[in-house]
């Protein structure tokens, strides 16, 4: 008998895991070998169950799907990670795929399409839903920022002046100005308002 695809389900909503488990249980070539409700538990479950495919939620408490994907693939690079999300910023989706996830599907995907995606990623194909590809193209992820740059951008979203940010960070206002120029260049913007708009649109600070 052909070996079944061993699947780990990772989602913080029990109803989603139950629904996926029920769907997969009817497939002769698949089996659910474990479940996890957050990224940290997912890493432990991968060690315990050695799944072929991990169906990974993107946004979860404690440790999100991006961080879990990175840790899982650093331990077991042959594991296939398929992101399954109902929403998500372009930045988060991009990071998950950059970390090694081989697919991304919406939770609203019809069952047969999702099952097909599981089989394709198991076979080594990259499967990203058209609507996710379109979203990421229309909303390109901003480049990675350093901790200092992220703190300054966060200050902008709170309406702080350069002097306020400098005082809060213990650096000079001139340094803040120089870092802002670098941030603007990375984000492809020219004003504070545009930088704030990018930060908000990409939910860079969880809001």
Protein backbone atom coordinates (compact mmCIF):
# COMPACT_ATOMS: atom_id res chain seq x y z
CA UNK A 1 0.00 0.00 0.00
CA UNK A 2 1.23 3.49 -0.87
CA UNK A 3 2.41 5.48 2.14
CA UNK A 4 -0.04 8.13 3.30
CA UNK A 5 0.87 11.80 3.48
CA UNK A 6 1.39 12.56 7.17
CA UNK A 7 -0.13 15.94 8.04
CA UNK A 8 0.19 18.21 11.07
CA UNK A 9 -2.56 20.80 11.59
CA UNK A 10 -1.58 24.11 13.20
CA UNK A 11 -4.30 26.65 14.01
CA UNK A 12 -5.37 28.46 17.15
CA UNK A 13 -9.05 27.81 16.38
CA UNK A 14 -10.21 24.31 17.32
CA UNK A 15 -13.11 24.44 14.85
CA UNK A 16 -10.69 24.96 11.96
CA UNK A 17 -8.58 21.99 13.06
CA UNK A 18 -11.70 19.82 13.46
CA UNK A 19 -12.93 20.77 10.01
CA UNK A 20 -9.59 20.08 8.36
CA UNK A 21 -9.19 16.80 10.23
CA UNK A 22 -12.64 15.68 9.12
CA UNK A 23 -11.91 16.58 5.49
CA UNK A 24 -8.56 14.79 5.48
CA UNK A 25 -9.95 11.69 7.21
CA UNK A 26 -11.90 10.85 4.04
CA UNK A 27 -8.78 10.88 1.87
CA UNK A 28 -7.20 7.45 1.31
CA UNK A 29 -3.77 8.97 0.73
CA UNK A 30 -3.64 11.28 3.76
CA UNK A 31 -3.72 11.12 7.55
CA UNK A 32 -3.56 13.68 10.35
CA UNK A 33 -0.75 12.71 12.71
CA UNK A 34 -1.01 15.64 15.10
CA UNK A 35 -2.40 19.08 15.92
CA UNK A 36 -1.07 22.26 17.53
CA UNK A 37 -2.73 25.52 18.55
CA UNK A 38 0.26 27.85 18.25
CA UNK A 39 3.69 28.09 16.70
CA UNK A 40 5.63 26.87 19.73
CA UNK A 41 3.45 23.77 20.05
CA UNK A 42 3.85 23.21 16.31
CA UNK A 43 7.62 22.99 16.60
CA UNK A 44 7.30 20.40 19.37
CA UNK A 45 4.68 18.44 17.40
CA UNK A 46 6.94 18.28 14.35
CA UNK A 47 9.67 16.75 16.48
CA UNK A 48 7.22 14.24 17.91
CA UNK A 49 5.27 13.26 14.78
CA UNK A 50 7.64 13.90 11.85
CA UNK A 51 4.90 15.05 9.44
CA UNK A 52 5.39 15.30 5.70
CA UNK A 53 3.20 18.40 5.41
CA UNK A 54 2.40 21.07 8.00
CA UNK A 55 -0.75 23.09 7.36
CA UNK A 56 0.16 26.31 9.14
CA UNK A 57 -2.04 29.21 10.21
CA UNK A 58 -0.31 32.54 9.67
CA UNK A 59 -1.54 34.63 12.60
CA UNK A 60 -1.50 32.98 16.04
CA UNK A 61 -0.76 34.04 19.63
CA UNK A 62 2.54 33.21 21.35
CA UNK A 63 4.52 32.26 18.24
CA UNK A 64 3.10 32.99 14.78
CA UNK A 65 3.25 30.94 11.61
CA UNK A 66 6.27 32.78 10.24
CA UNK A 67 8.47 32.06 13.26
CA UNK A 68 7.20 28.48 13.49
CA UNK A 69 7.95 27.90 9.81
CA UNK A 70 11.49 29.19 10.24
CA UNK A 71 12.16 26.96 13.26
CA UNK A 72 10.57 23.86 11.74
CA UNK A 73 12.51 24.11 8.49
CA UNK A 74 15.77 24.79 10.29
CA UNK A 75 15.24 21.47 12.13
CA UNK A 76 13.64 19.48 9.32
CA UNK A 77 14.28 21.10 5.93
CA UNK A 78 12.43 18.34 4.05
CA UNK A 79 9.12 19.18 5.76
CA UNK A 80 6.62 20.91 3.47
CA UNK A 81 4.85 23.90 5.02
CA UNK A 82 1.56 25.06 3.52
CA UNK A 83 0.29 28.38 4.92
CA UNK A 84 -3.49 28.48 5.35
CA UNK A 85 -4.85 31.89 6.29
CA UNK A 86 -8.01 33.94 6.30
CA UNK A 87 -6.04 37.17 6.23
CA UNK A 88 -2.51 38.35 6.58
CA UNK A 89 -0.24 41.17 5.64
CA UNK A 90 1.87 40.95 2.55
CA UNK A 91 4.93 41.27 4.78
CA UNK A 92 3.97 38.25 6.88
CA UNK A 93 3.09 36.13 3.85
CA UNK A 94 6.33 37.11 2.15
CA UNK A 95 8.39 36.26 5.23
CA UNK A 96 6.71 32.85 5.55
CA UNK A 97 7.49 32.04 1.93
CA UNK A 98 11.03 33.41 2.30
CA UNK A 99 11.47 31.17 5.35
CA UNK A 100 10.73 28.16 3.16
CA UNK A 101 6.95 27.64 3.09
CA UNK A 102 6.14 26.09 -0.27
CA UNK A 103 2.53 27.17 -0.51
CA UNK A 104 -0.13 29.58 0.71
CA UNK A 105 -3.88 29.12 0.48
CA UNK A 106 -6.92 30.97 1.81
CA UNK A 107 -9.13 29.28 4.40
CA UNK A 108 -12.06 29.94 2.05
CA UNK A 109 -10.45 27.70 -0.59
CA UNK A 110 -12.86 24.95 -1.80
CA UNK A 111 -12.04 21.56 -0.24
CA UNK A 112 -10.94 19.91 -3.47
CA UNK A 113 -8.54 22.77 -4.23
CA UNK A 114 -7.04 22.57 -0.76
CA UNK A 115 -6.60 18.81 -1.01
CA UNK A 116 -4.96 19.30 -4.41
CA UNK A 117 -2.62 21.90 -2.91
CA UNK A 118 -1.61 19.47 -0.14
CA UNK A 119 -0.77 16.79 -2.70
CA UNK A 120 1.18 19.25 -4.84
CA UNK A 121 3.34 20.62 -2.02
CA UNK A 122 4.00 17.07 -0.85
CA UNK A 123 5.22 16.32 -4.38
CA UNK A 124 7.55 19.31 -4.23
CA UNK A 125 5.51 21.91 -6.10
CA UNK A 126 5.09 25.52 -5.00
CA UNK A 127 1.39 26.39 -4.75
CA UNK A 128 0.31 29.95 -3.97
CA UNK A 129 -3.37 30.85 -4.40
CA UNK A 130 -4.00 33.40 -7.18
CA UNK A 131 -5.67 35.86 -4.81
CA UNK A 132 -2.67 35.73 -2.47
CA UNK A 133 -0.25 36.26 -5.38
CA UNK A 134 -2.36 39.21 -6.56
CA UNK A 135 -2.47 40.70 -3.05
CA UNK A 136 1.28 40.40 -2.59
CA UNK A 137 1.90 41.97 -6.00
CA UNK A 138 -0.41 44.89 -5.20
CA UNK A 139 1.01 45.24 -1.68
CA UNK A 140 4.72 44.44 -1.84
CA UNK A 141 6.29 43.74 1.51
CA UNK A 142 8.55 46.49 2.84
CA UNK A 143 12.24 45.64 3.31
CA UNK A 144 13.38 44.42 6.70
CA UNK A 145 14.17 47.23 9.14
CA UNK A 146 16.72 47.20 11.95
CA UNK A 147 15.51 47.41 15.55
CA UNK A 148 16.43 51.12 15.68
CA UNK A 149 14.64 51.83 12.41
CA UNK A 150 11.57 49.91 13.54
CA UNK A 151 11.46 51.86 16.81
CA UNK A 152 11.66 55.16 14.96
CA UNK A 153 8.93 54.15 12.51
CA UNK A 154 6.78 53.12 15.45
CA UNK A 155 7.36 56.57 16.92
CA UNK A 156 6.12 58.15 13.70
CA UNK A 157 2.88 56.17 13.84
CA UNK A 158 2.35 57.54 17.35
CA UNK A 159 2.75 61.12 16.12
CA UNK A 160 6.06 61.75 17.90
CA UNK A 161 8.46 64.45 16.70
CA UNK A 162 12.12 63.78 15.92
CA UNK A 163 13.01 65.35 19.27
CA UNK A 164 10.52 63.14 21.12
CA UNK A 165 11.85 60.01 19.43
CA UNK A 166 15.46 61.04 20.13
CA UNK A 167 14.71 61.59 23.81
CA UNK A 168 12.87 58.27 24.07
CA UNK A 169 15.68 56.33 22.39
CA UNK A 170 18.58 58.19 23.99
CA UNK A 171 20.06 59.37 20.69
CA UNK A 172 20.40 62.76 19.02
CA UNK A 173 17.70 64.33 16.86
CA UNK A 174 20.26 64.48 14.03
CA UNK A 175 20.71 60.70 14.26
CA UNK A 176 16.93 60.25 14.14
CA UNK A 177 16.82 62.41 11.00
CA UNK A 178 19.54 60.33 9.32
CA UNK A 179 17.77 57.08 10.23
CA UNK A 180 14.48 58.47 8.92
CA UNK A 181 16.10 59.12 5.56
CA UNK A 182 17.25 55.51 5.46
CA UNK A 183 13.78 54.29 6.45
CA UNK A 184 12.15 56.42 3.73
CA UNK A 185 14.55 54.99 1.15
CA UNK A 186 13.84 51.40 2.23
CA UNK A 187 10.06 51.95 2.15
CA UNK A 188 10.15 53.86 -1.12
CA UNK A 189 8.48 56.94 0.38
CA UNK A 190 9.44 60.59 0.77
CA UNK A 191 7.34 61.88 3.66
CA UNK A 192 6.48 60.96 7.23
CA UNK A 193 2.82 60.56 6.29
CA UNK A 194 3.67 58.09 3.53
CA UNK A 195 5.88 56.09 5.90
CA UNK A 196 3.07 55.92 8.46
CA UNK A 197 0.64 54.83 5.73
CA UNK A 198 2.94 51.94 4.74
CA UNK A 199 3.36 50.90 8.38
CA UNK A 200 -0.41 50.89 8.93
CA UNK A 201 -1.24 49.15 5.67
CA UNK A 202 1.25 46.37 6.40
CA UNK A 203 0.21 46.10 10.09
CA UNK A 204 3.87 46.31 11.07
CA UNK A 205 3.03 46.86 14.73
CA UNK A 206 0.01 44.56 15.05
CA UNK A 207 -2.60 47.23 14.46
